[in-house]
Amino acid sequence: MQKITFFKRFVNDILAERKTITIRDASEANVQAGDILEVSTLEEGLWFCRMQVLSVTQVNWADLTPLHAAQENMGLVELKQLIKEIYPGQDHFYVIHFELLK
């Protein structure tokens, strides 16, 4: 089973299903629809759930929308700033849409 990590600040949003996508660069987008992922925190490696990938689509930074931000449970300005902090100098990303497995 594949693994994926999230910053621990996103755990509650994921578990409450307020965050339903993650935006990653090509090095972290090696998943496809139907994959089941073991999910843990990036900082401590603590497992906290399983999720199923629903879809993977490409997006450019300039094309991010308020819908993407809502699916990340944040505002668009905040989302764009966060992506630039995590992936400086990159403009091409993958939107991984997922659902929590209960």
PDB file of N, CA and C in Angstrom:
ATOM      1  N   MET A   1       0.845  -1.182   0.000  1.00  0.00           N
ATOM      2  CA  MET A   1       0.000   0.000   0.000  1.00  0.00           C
ATOM      3  C   MET A   1       0.889   1.244   0.000  1.00  0.00           C
ATOM      4  N   GLN A   2       0.516   2.224  -0.802  1.00  0.00           N
ATOM      5  CA  GLN A   2       1.292   3.457  -0.886  1.00  0.00           C
ATOM      6  C   GLN A   2       1.046   4.337   0.330  1.00  0.00           C
ATOM      7  N   LYS A   3       1.985   5.252   0.540  1.00  0.00           N
ATOM      8  CA  LYS A   3       1.896   6.165   1.677  1.00  0.00           C
ATOM      9  C   LYS A   3       1.906   7.600   1.182  1.00  0.00           C
ATOM     10  N   ILE A   4       1.317   8.483   1.990  1.00  0.00           N
ATOM     11  CA  ILE A   4       1.344   9.918   1.730  1.00  0.00           C
ATOM     12  C   ILE A   4       1.422  10.619   3.076  1.00  0.00           C
ATOM     13  N   THR A   5       2.101  11.744   3.107  1.00  0.00           N
ATOM     14  CA  THR A   5       2.212  12.497   4.360  1.00  0.00           C
ATOM     15  C   THR A   5       1.607  13.883   4.196  1.00  0.00           C
ATOM     16  N   PHE A   6       1.149  14.414   5.326  1.00  0.00           N
ATOM     17  CA  PHE A   6       0.599  15.767   5.394  1.00  0.00           C
ATOM     18  C   PHE A   6       1.199  16.461   6.604  1.00  0.00           C
ATOM     19  N   PHE A   7       1.325  17.780   6.511  1.00  0.00           N
ATOM     20  CA  PHE A   7       1.700  18.543   7.694  1.00  0.00           C
ATOM     21  C   PHE A   7       0.658  18.286   8.776  1.00  0.00           C
ATOM     22  N   LYS A   8       1.098  18.183  10.016  1.00  0.00           N
ATOM     23  CA  LYS A   8       0.172  17.844  11.102  1.00  0.00           C
ATOM     24  C   LYS A   8      -0.934  18.873  11.276  1.00  0.00           C
ATOM     25  N   ARG A   9      -0.713  20.098  10.806  1.00  0.00           N
ATOM     26  CA  ARG A   9      -1.766  21.117  10.928  1.00  0.00           C
ATOM     27  C   ARG A   9      -2.995  20.792  10.075  1.00  0.00           C
ATOM     28  N   PHE A  10      -2.866  19.836   9.128  1.00  0.00           N
ATOM     29  CA  PHE A  10      -3.994  19.465   8.278  1.00  0.00           C
ATOM     30  C   PHE A  10      -4.763  18.242   8.774  1.00  0.00           C
ATOM     31  N   VAL A  11      -4.293  17.592   9.815  1.00  0.00           N
ATOM     32  CA  VAL A  11      -4.915  16.349  10.288  1.00  0.00           C
ATOM     33  C   VAL A  11      -6.398  16.536  10.592  1.00  0.00           C
ATOM     34  N   ASN A  12      -6.742  17.535  11.385  1.00  0.00           N
ATOM     35  CA  ASN A  12      -8.147  17.723  11.765  1.00  0.00           C
ATOM     36  C   ASN A  12      -9.032  17.998  10.559  1.00  0.00           C
ATOM     37  N   ASP A  13      -8.551  18.799   9.611  1.00  0.00           N
ATOM     38  CA  ASP A  13      -9.338  19.078   8.409  1.00  0.00           C
ATOM     39  C   ASP A  13      -9.550  17.825   7.570  1.00  0.00           C
ATOM     40  N   ILE A  14      -8.548  16.977   7.486  1.00  0.00           N
ATOM     41  CA  ILE A  14      -8.688  15.735   6.725  1.00  0.00           C
ATOM     42  C   ILE A  14      -9.682  14.811   7.415  1.00  0.00           C
ATOM     43  N   LEU A  15      -9.527  14.628   8.714  1.00  0.00           N
ATOM     44  CA  LEU A  15     -10.416  13.718   9.449  1.00  0.00           C
ATOM     45  C   LEU A  15     -11.859  14.215   9.477  1.00  0.00           C
ATOM     46  N   ALA A  16     -12.056  15.530   9.423  1.00  0.00           N
ATOM     47  CA  ALA A  16     -13.406  16.107   9.404  1.00  0.00           C
ATOM     48  C   ALA A  16     -13.939  16.248   7.969  1.00  0.00           C
ATOM     49  N   GLU A  17     -13.141  15.812   6.994  1.00  0.00           N
ATOM     50  CA  GLU A  17     -13.498  15.861   5.572  1.00  0.00           C
ATOM     51  C   GLU A  17     -13.727  17.286   5.069  1.00  0.00           C
ATOM     52  N   ARG A  18     -13.051  18.242   5.686  1.00  0.00           N
ATOM     53  CA  ARG A  18     -13.072  19.624   5.202  1.00  0.00           C
ATOM     54  C   ARG A  18     -11.993  19.837   4.140  1.00  0.00           C
ATOM     55  N   LYS A  19     -10.975  19.010   4.156  1.00  0.00           N
ATOM     56  CA  LYS A  19      -9.900  19.036   3.154  1.00  0.00           C
ATOM     57  C   LYS A  19     -10.054  17.781   2.313  1.00  0.00           C
ATOM     58  N   THR A  20     -10.337  17.955   1.016  1.00  0.00           N
ATOM     59  CA  THR A  20     -10.616  16.808   0.150  1.00  0.00           C
ATOM     60  C   THR A  20      -9.672  16.708  -1.044  1.00  0.00           C
ATOM     61  N   ILE A  21      -8.710  17.621  -1.113  1.00  0.00           N
ATOM     62  CA  ILE A  21      -7.672  17.540  -2.147  1.00  0.00           C
ATOM     63  C   ILE A  21      -6.323  17.855  -1.515  1.00  0.00           C
ATOM     64  N   THR A  22      -5.295  17.468  -2.231  1.00  0.00           N
ATOM     65  CA  THR A  22      -3.948  17.923  -1.915  1.00  0.00           C
ATOM     66  C   THR A  22      -3.287  18.279  -3.234  1.00  0.00           C
ATOM     67  N   ILE A  23      -2.504  19.325  -3.220  1.00  0.00           N
ATOM     68  CA  ILE A  23      -1.821  19.785  -4.430  1.00  0.00           C
ATOM     69  C   ILE A  23      -0.337  19.498  -4.250  1.00  0.00           C
ATOM     70  N   ARG A  24       0.205  18.701  -5.169  1.00  0.00           N
ATOM     71  CA  ARG A  24       1.589  18.227  -5.050  1.00  0.00           C
ATOM     72  C   ARG A  24       2.343  18.470  -6.347  1.00  0.00           C
ATOM     73  N   ASP A  25       3.673  18.443  -6.251  1.00  0.00           N
ATOM     74  CA  ASP A  25       4.477  18.521  -7.466  1.00  0.00           C
ATOM     75  C   ASP A  25       4.623  17.115  -8.047  1.00  0.00           C
ATOM     76  N   ALA A  26       5.281  17.014  -9.185  1.00  0.00           N
ATOM     77  CA  ALA A  26       5.378  15.734  -9.889  1.00  0.00           C
ATOM     78  C   ALA A  26       6.044  14.650  -9.048  1.00  0.00           C
ATOM     79  N   SER A  27       6.982  15.025  -8.190  1.00  0.00           N
ATOM     80  CA  SER A  27       7.691  14.023  -7.389  1.00  0.00           C
ATOM     81  C   SER A  27       6.791  13.363  -6.350  1.00  0.00           C
ATOM     82  N   GLU A  28       5.659  13.995  -6.039  1.00  0.00           N
ATOM     83  CA  GLU A  28       4.749  13.465  -5.024  1.00  0.00           C
ATOM     84  C   GLU A  28       3.396  13.061  -5.601  1.00  0.00           C
ATOM     85  N   ALA A  29       3.303  12.975  -6.915  1.00  0.00           N
ATOM     86  CA  ALA A  29       2.015  12.701  -7.551  1.00  0.00           C
ATOM     87  C   ALA A  29       1.986  11.342  -8.239  1.00  0.00           C
ATOM     88  N   ASN A  30       2.679  10.388  -7.678  1.00  0.00           N
ATOM     89  CA  ASN A  30       2.761   9.058  -8.287  1.00  0.00           C
ATOM     90  C   ASN A  30       1.626   8.157  -7.802  1.00  0.00           C
ATOM     91  N   VAL A  31       0.403   8.677  -7.855  1.00  0.00           N
ATOM     92  CA  VAL A  31      -0.788   7.918  -7.473  1.00  0.00           C
ATOM     93  C   VAL A  31      -1.804   8.026  -8.597  1.00  0.00           C
ATOM     94  N   GLN A  32      -2.798   7.147  -8.558  1.00  0.00           N
ATOM     95  CA  GLN A  32      -3.859   7.195  -9.562  1.00  0.00           C
ATOM     96  C   GLN A  32      -5.194   6.873  -8.911  1.00  0.00           C
ATOM     97  N   ALA A  33      -6.261   7.192  -9.610  1.00  0.00           N
ATOM     98  CA  ALA A  33      -7.603   6.939  -9.097  1.00  0.00           C
ATOM     99  C   ALA A  33      -7.730   5.478  -8.680  1.00  0.00           C
ATOM    100  N   GLY A  34      -8.306   5.272  -7.507  1.00  0.00           N
ATOM    101  CA  GLY A  34      -8.497   3.929  -6.973  1.00  0.00           C
ATOM    102  C   GLY A  34      -7.450   3.509  -5.962  1.00  0.00           C
ATOM    103  N   ASP A  35      -6.302   4.166  -5.960  1.00  0.00           N
ATOM    104  CA  ASP A  35      -5.255   3.812  -4.997  1.00  0.00           C
ATOM    105  C   ASP A  35      -5.729   4.082  -3.569  1.00  0.00           C
ATOM    106  N   ILE A  36      -5.367   3.187  -2.662  1.00  0.00           N
ATOM    107  CA  ILE A  36      -5.607   3.361  -1.231  1.00  0.00           C
ATOM    108  C   ILE A  36      -4.283   3.794  -0.613  1.00  0.00           C
ATOM    109  N   LEU A  37      -4.316   4.874   0.161  1.00  0.00           N
ATOM    110  CA  LEU A  37      -3.097   5.425   0.743  1.00  0.00           C
ATOM    111  C   LEU A  37      -3.135   5.369   2.258  1.00  0.00           C
ATOM    112  N   GLU A  38      -2.018   4.993   2.850  1.00  0.00           N
ATOM    113  CA  GLU A  38      -1.816   5.094   4.295  1.00  0.00           C
ATOM    114  C   GLU A  38      -1.333   6.517   4.551  1.00  0.00           C
ATOM    115  N   VAL A  39      -1.971   7.208   5.479  1.00  0.00           N
ATOM    116  CA  VAL A  39      -1.705   8.629   5.673  1.00  0.00           C
ATOM    117  C   VAL A  39      -1.073   8.867   7.038  1.00  0.00           C
ATOM    118  N   SER A  40       0.014   9.635   7.040  1.00  0.00           N
ATOM    119  CA  SER A  40       0.687   9.963   8.297  1.00  0.00           C
ATOM    120  C   SER A  40       1.147  11.414   8.267  1.00  0.00           C
ATOM    121  N   THR A  41       1.576  11.886   9.444  1.00  0.00           N
ATOM    122  CA  THR A  41       2.077  13.258   9.534  1.00  0.00           C
ATOM    123  C   THR A  41       3.505  13.320   9.005  1.00  0.00           C
ATOM    124  N   LEU A  42       3.819  14.411   8.352  1.00  0.00           N
ATOM    125  CA  LEU A  42       5.162  14.612   7.819  1.00  0.00           C
ATOM    126  C   LEU A  42       6.175  14.753   8.943  1.00  0.00           C
ATOM    127  N   GLU A  43       5.795  15.500   9.970  1.00  0.00           N
ATOM    128  CA  GLU A  43       6.744  15.832  11.030  1.00  0.00           C
ATOM    129  C   GLU A  43       7.152  14.625  11.877  1.00  0.00           C
ATOM    130  N   GLU A  44       6.187  13.829  12.325  1.00  0.00           N
ATOM    131  CA  GLU A  44       6.496  12.706  13.222  1.00  0.00           C
ATOM    132  C   GLU A  44       6.285  11.330  12.601  1.00  0.00           C
ATOM    133  N   GLY A  45       5.670  11.279  11.436  1.00  0.00           N
ATOM    134  CA  GLY A  45       5.389   9.993  10.816  1.00  0.00           C
ATOM    135  C   GLY A  45       4.283   9.220  11.506  1.00  0.00           C
ATOM    136  N   LEU A  46       3.386   9.932  12.210  1.00  0.00           N
ATOM    137  CA  LEU A  46       2.291   9.278  12.930  1.00  0.00           C
ATOM    138  C   LEU A  46       1.137   8.990  11.980  1.00  0.00           C
ATOM    139  N   TRP A  47       0.745   7.711  11.879  1.00  0.00           N
ATOM    140  CA  TRP A  47      -0.372   7.308  11.030  1.00  0.00           C
ATOM    141  C   TRP A  47      -1.664   7.862  11.611  1.00  0.00           C
ATOM    142  N   PHE A  48      -2.567   8.351  10.736  1.00  0.00           N
ATOM    143  CA  PHE A  48      -3.851   8.821  11.255  1.00  0.00           C
ATOM    144  C   PHE A  48      -5.060   8.431  10.422  1.00  0.00           C
ATOM    145  N   CYS A  49      -4.897   7.891   9.219  1.00  0.00           N
ATOM    146  CA  CYS A  49      -6.065   7.425   8.463  1.00  0.00           C
ATOM    147  C   CYS A  49      -5.630   6.730   7.180  1.00  0.00           C
ATOM    148  N   ARG A  50      -6.640   6.249   6.464  1.00  0.00           N
ATOM    149  CA  ARG A  50      -6.474   5.755   5.096  1.00  0.00           C
ATOM    150  C   ARG A  50      -7.377   6.597   4.210  1.00  0.00           C
ATOM    151  N   MET A  51      -6.944   6.791   2.978  1.00  0.00           N
ATOM    152  CA  MET A  51      -7.771   7.512   2.021  1.00  0.00           C
ATOM    153  C   MET A  51      -7.685   6.828   0.672  1.00  0.00           C
ATOM    154  N   GLN A  52      -8.722   7.059  -0.129  1.00  0.00           N
ATOM    155  CA  GLN A  52      -8.741   6.537  -1.488  1.00  0.00           C
ATOM    156  C   GLN A  52      -8.650   7.704  -2.459  1.00  0.00           C
ATOM    157  N   VAL A  53      -7.794   7.552  -3.458  1.00  0.00           N
ATOM    158  CA  VAL A  53      -7.639   8.572  -4.491  1.00  0.00           C
ATOM    159  C   VAL A  53      -8.823   8.468  -5.450  1.00  0.00           C
ATOM    160  N   LEU A  54      -9.514   9.588  -5.649  1.00  0.00           N
ATOM    161  CA  LEU A  54     -10.645   9.633  -6.576  1.00  0.00           C
ATOM    162  C   LEU A  54     -10.215  10.080  -7.968  1.00  0.00           C
ATOM    163  N   SER A  55      -9.268  11.019  -8.030  1.00  0.00           N
ATOM    164  CA  SER A  55      -8.772  11.501  -9.319  1.00  0.00           C
ATOM    165  C   SER A  55      -7.455  12.236  -9.122  1.00  0.00           C
ATOM    166  N   VAL A  56      -6.717  12.341 -10.215  1.00  0.00           N
ATOM    167  CA  VAL A  56      -5.476  13.122 -10.244  1.00  0.00           C
ATOM    168  C   VAL A  56      -5.519  13.955 -11.522  1.00  0.00           C
ATOM    169  N   THR A  57      -5.461  15.279 -11.357  1.00  0.00           N
ATOM    170  CA  THR A  57      -5.500  16.177 -12.506  1.00  0.00           C
ATOM    171  C   THR A  57      -4.361  17.185 -12.412  1.00  0.00           C
ATOM    172  N   GLN A  58      -3.952  17.687 -13.561  1.00  0.00           N
ATOM    173  CA  GLN A  58      -2.873  18.667 -13.598  1.00  0.00           C
ATOM    174  C   GLN A  58      -3.441  20.075 -13.471  1.00  0.00           C
ATOM    175  N   VAL A  59      -2.661  20.959 -12.867  1.00  0.00           N
ATOM    176  CA  VAL A  59      -3.059  22.364 -12.748  1.00  0.00           C
ATOM    177  C   VAL A  59      -1.806  23.233 -12.679  1.00  0.00           C
ATOM    178  N   ASN A  60      -1.876  24.386 -13.291  1.00  0.00           N
ATOM    179  CA  ASN A  60      -0.819  25.380 -13.159  1.00  0.00           C
ATOM    180  C   ASN A  60      -1.152  26.297 -11.995  1.00  0.00           C
ATOM    181  N   TRP A  61      -0.131  26.825 -11.355  1.00  0.00           N
ATOM    182  CA  TRP A  61      -0.324  27.703 -10.197  1.00  0.00           C
ATOM    183  C   TRP A  61      -1.275  28.851 -10.533  1.00  0.00           C
ATOM    184  N   ALA A  62      -1.102  29.463 -11.699  1.00  0.00           N
ATOM    185  CA  ALA A  62      -1.931  30.606 -12.101  1.00  0.00           C
ATOM    186  C   ALA A  62      -3.394  30.224 -12.302  1.00  0.00           C
ATOM    187  N   ASP A  63      -3.662  28.938 -12.501  1.00  0.00           N
ATOM    188  CA  ASP A  63      -5.030  28.476 -12.768  1.00  0.00           C
ATOM    189  C   ASP A  63      -5.750  27.958 -11.529  1.00  0.00           C
ATOM    190  N   LEU A  64      -5.136  28.078 -10.362  1.00  0.00           N
ATOM    191  CA  LEU A  64      -5.823  27.676  -9.134  1.00  0.00           C
ATOM    192  C   LEU A  64      -7.033  28.579  -8.917  1.00  0.00           C
ATOM    193  N   THR A  65      -8.129  27.994  -8.431  1.00  0.00           N
ATOM    194  CA  THR A  65      -9.399  28.712  -8.311  1.00  0.00           C
ATOM    195  C   THR A  65      -9.892  28.720  -6.865  1.00  0.00           C
ATOM    196  N   PRO A  66     -10.911  29.518  -6.598  1.00  0.00           N
ATOM    197  CA  PRO A  66     -11.534  29.465  -5.272  1.00  0.00           C
ATOM    198  C   PRO A  66     -12.061  28.070  -4.926  1.00  0.00           C
ATOM    199  N   LEU A  67     -12.457  27.282  -5.927  1.00  0.00           N
ATOM    200  CA  LEU A  67     -12.904  25.910  -5.651  1.00  0.00           C
ATOM    201  C   LEU A  67     -11.754  25.072  -5.101  1.00  0.00           C
ATOM    202  N   HIS A  68     -10.576  25.177  -5.714  1.00  0.00           N
ATOM    203  CA  HIS A  68      -9.409  24.464  -5.174  1.00  0.00           C
ATOM    204  C   HIS A  68      -9.182  24.866  -3.720  1.00  0.00           C
ATOM    205  N   ALA A  69      -9.244  26.170  -3.470  1.00  0.00           N
ATOM    206  CA  ALA A  69      -9.018  26.667  -2.107  1.00  0.00           C
ATOM    207  C   ALA A  69     -10.059  26.111  -1.145  1.00  0.00           C
ATOM    208  N   ALA A  70     -11.322  26.094  -1.553  1.00  0.00           N
ATOM    209  CA  ALA A  70     -12.381  25.554  -0.691  1.00  0.00           C
ATOM    210  C   ALA A  70     -12.142  24.077  -0.406  1.00  0.00           C
ATOM    211  N   GLN A  71     -11.685  23.329  -1.407  1.00  0.00           N
ATOM    212  CA  GLN A  71     -11.404  21.905  -1.215  1.00  0.00           C
ATOM    213  C   GLN A  71     -10.200  21.688  -0.301  1.00  0.00           C
ATOM    214  N   GLU A  72      -9.353  22.705  -0.176  1.00  0.00           N
ATOM    215  CA  GLU A  72      -8.213  22.667   0.751  1.00  0.00           C
ATOM    216  C   GLU A  72      -8.581  23.261   2.114  1.00  0.00           C
ATOM    217  N   ASN A  73      -9.800  23.775   2.223  1.00  0.00           N
ATOM    218  CA  ASN A  73     -10.308  24.433   3.433  1.00  0.00           C
ATOM    219  C   ASN A  73      -9.483  25.668   3.799  1.00  0.00           C
ATOM    220  N   MET A  74      -9.250  26.514   2.777  1.00  0.00           N
ATOM    221  CA  MET A  74      -8.559  27.786   3.010  1.00  0.00           C
ATOM    222  C   MET A  74      -8.937  28.755   1.901  1.00  0.00           C
ATOM    223  N   GLY A  75      -8.523  30.002   2.042  1.00  0.00           N
ATOM    224  CA  GLY A  75      -8.751  30.998   1.005  1.00  0.00           C
ATOM    225  C   GLY A  75      -7.752  30.850  -0.131  1.00  0.00           C
ATOM    226  N   LEU A  76      -8.095  31.418  -1.288  1.00  0.00           N
ATOM    227  CA  LEU A  76      -7.241  31.291  -2.469  1.00  0.00           C
ATOM    228  C   LEU A  76      -5.881  31.953  -2.269  1.00  0.00           C
ATOM    229  N   VAL A  77      -5.848  33.131  -1.685  1.00  0.00           N
ATOM    230  CA  VAL A  77      -4.565  33.811  -1.444  1.00  0.00           C
ATOM    231  C   VAL A  77      -3.687  32.957  -0.528  1.00  0.00           C
ATOM    232  N   GLU A  78      -4.285  32.426   0.530  1.00  0.00           N
ATOM    233  CA  GLU A  78      -3.544  31.568   1.465  1.00  0.00           C
ATOM    234  C   GLU A  78      -3.023  30.321   0.764  1.00  0.00           C
ATOM    235  N   LEU A  79      -3.858  29.695  -0.069  1.00  0.00           N
ATOM    236  CA  LEU A  79      -3.453  28.491  -0.791  1.00  0.00           C
ATOM    237  C   LEU A  79      -2.273  28.781  -1.711  1.00  0.00           C
ATOM    238  N   LYS A  80      -2.372  29.838  -2.494  1.00  0.00           N
ATOM    239  CA  LYS A  80      -1.288  30.161  -3.428  1.00  0.00           C
ATOM    240  C   LYS A  80       0.010  30.479  -2.690  1.00  0.00           C
ATOM    241  N   GLN A  81      -0.098  31.180  -1.582  1.00  0.00           N
ATOM    242  CA  GLN A  81       1.092  31.502  -0.786  1.00  0.00           C
ATOM    243  C   GLN A  81       1.723  30.229  -0.220  1.00  0.00           C
ATOM    244  N   LEU A  82       0.896  29.338   0.304  1.00  0.00           N
ATOM    245  CA  LEU A  82       1.390  28.084   0.878  1.00  0.00           C
ATOM    246  C   LEU A  82       2.102  27.238  -0.175  1.00  0.00           C
ATOM    247  N   ILE A  83       1.522  27.144  -1.357  1.00  0.00           N
ATOM    248  CA  ILE A  83       2.137  26.351  -2.424  1.00  0.00           C
ATOM    249  C   ILE A  83       3.493  26.940  -2.814  1.00  0.00           C
ATOM    250  N   LYS A  84       3.577  28.251  -2.896  1.00  0.00           N
ATOM    251  CA  LYS A  84       4.862  28.886  -3.227  1.00  0.00           C
ATOM    252  C   LYS A  84       5.903  28.650  -2.131  1.00  0.00           C
ATOM    253  N   GLU A  85       5.471  28.581  -0.871  1.00  0.00           N
ATOM    254  CA  GLU A  85       6.401  28.298   0.228  1.00  0.00           C
ATOM    255  C   GLU A  85       6.903  26.859   0.168  1.00  0.00           C
ATOM    256  N   ILE A  86       6.010  25.929  -0.122  1.00  0.00           N
ATOM    257  CA  ILE A  86       6.376  24.509  -0.150  1.00  0.00           C
ATOM    258  C   ILE A  86       7.161  24.165  -1.414  1.00  0.00           C
ATOM    259  N   TYR A  87       6.767  24.742  -2.540  1.00  0.00           N
ATOM    260  CA  TYR A  87       7.376  24.431  -3.838  1.00  0.00           C
ATOM    261  C   TYR A  87       7.878  25.710  -4.518  1.00  0.00           C
ATOM    262  N   PRO A  88       8.912  26.352  -3.968  1.00  0.00           N
ATOM    263  CA  PRO A  88       9.398  27.607  -4.568  1.00  0.00           C
ATOM    264  C   PRO A  88       9.881  27.401  -6.007  1.00  0.00           C
ATOM    265  N   GLY A  89       9.493  28.332  -6.869  1.00  0.00           N
ATOM    266  CA  GLY A  89       9.950  28.292  -8.252  1.00  0.00           C
ATOM    267  C   GLY A  89       9.206  27.331  -9.152  1.00  0.00           C
ATOM    268  N   GLN A  90       8.222  26.630  -8.633  1.00  0.00           N
ATOM    269  CA  GLN A  90       7.468  25.680  -9.450  1.00  0.00           C
ATOM    270  C   GLN A  90       6.095  26.249  -9.785  1.00  0.00           C
ATOM    271  N   ASP A  91       5.609  25.899 -10.974  1.00  0.00           N
ATOM    272  CA  ASP A  91       4.307  26.393 -11.418  1.00  0.00           C
ATOM    273  C   ASP A  91       3.355  25.291 -11.868  1.00  0.00           C
ATOM    274  N   HIS A  92       3.843  24.078 -12.027  1.00  0.00           N
ATOM    275  CA  HIS A  92       3.011  22.979 -12.522  1.00  0.00           C
ATOM    276  C   HIS A  92       2.805  21.962 -11.403  1.00  0.00           C
ATOM    277  N   PHE A  93       1.534  21.622 -11.159  1.00  0.00           N
ATOM    278  CA  PHE A  93       1.196  20.763 -10.023  1.00  0.00           C
ATOM    279  C   PHE A  93       0.146  19.724 -10.395  1.00  0.00           C
ATOM    280  N   TYR A  94      -0.124  18.844  -9.438  1.00  0.00           N
ATOM    281  CA  TYR A  94      -1.145  17.812  -9.578  1.00  0.00           C
ATOM    282  C   TYR A  94      -2.119  17.928  -8.414  1.00  0.00           C
ATOM    283  N   VAL A  95      -3.398  17.927  -8.742  1.00  0.00           N
ATOM    284  CA  VAL A  95      -4.454  17.958  -7.732  1.00  0.00           C
ATOM    285  C   VAL A  95      -4.888  16.520  -7.493  1.00  0.00           C
ATOM    286  N   ILE A  96      -4.664  16.051  -6.277  1.00  0.00           N
ATOM    287  CA  ILE A  96      -5.071  14.698  -5.891  1.00  0.00           C
ATOM    288  C   ILE A  96      -6.345  14.833  -5.071  1.00  0.00           C
ATOM    289  N   HIS A  97      -7.458  14.386  -5.651  1.00  0.00           N
ATOM    290  CA  HIS A  97      -8.761  14.436  -4.980  1.00  0.00           C
ATOM    291  C   HIS A  97      -8.938  13.099  -4.265  1.00  0.00           C
ATOM    292  N   PHE A  98      -9.294  13.156  -2.990  1.00  0.00           N
ATOM    293  CA  PHE A  98      -9.369  11.928  -2.201  1.00  0.00           C
ATOM    294  C   PHE A  98     -10.608  11.903  -1.326  1.00  0.00           C
ATOM    295  N   GLU A  99     -10.908  10.699  -0.825  1.00  0.00           N
ATOM    296  CA  GLU A  99     -11.954  10.559   0.185  1.00  0.00           C
ATOM    297  C   GLU A  99     -11.395   9.741   1.336  1.00  0.00           C
ATOM    298  N   LEU A 100     -11.824  10.110   2.513  1.00  0.00           N
ATOM    299  CA  LEU A 100     -11.420   9.429   3.731  1.00  0.00           C
ATOM    300  C   LEU A 100     -12.084   8.063   3.771  1.00  0.00           C
ATOM    301  N   LEU A 101     -11.342   7.041   4.112  1.00  0.00           N
ATOM    302  CA  LEU A 101     -11.925   5.708   4.284  1.00  0.00           C
ATOM    303  C   LEU A 101     -12.227   5.504   5.756  1.00  0.00           C
ATOM    304  N   LYS A 102     -13.449   5.101   6.034  1.00  0.00           N
ATOM    305  CA  LYS A 102     -13.866   4.938   7.433  1.00  0.00           C
ATOM    306  C   LYS A 102     -14.039   3.478   7.771  1.00  0.00           C
TER     307      LYS A 102
END
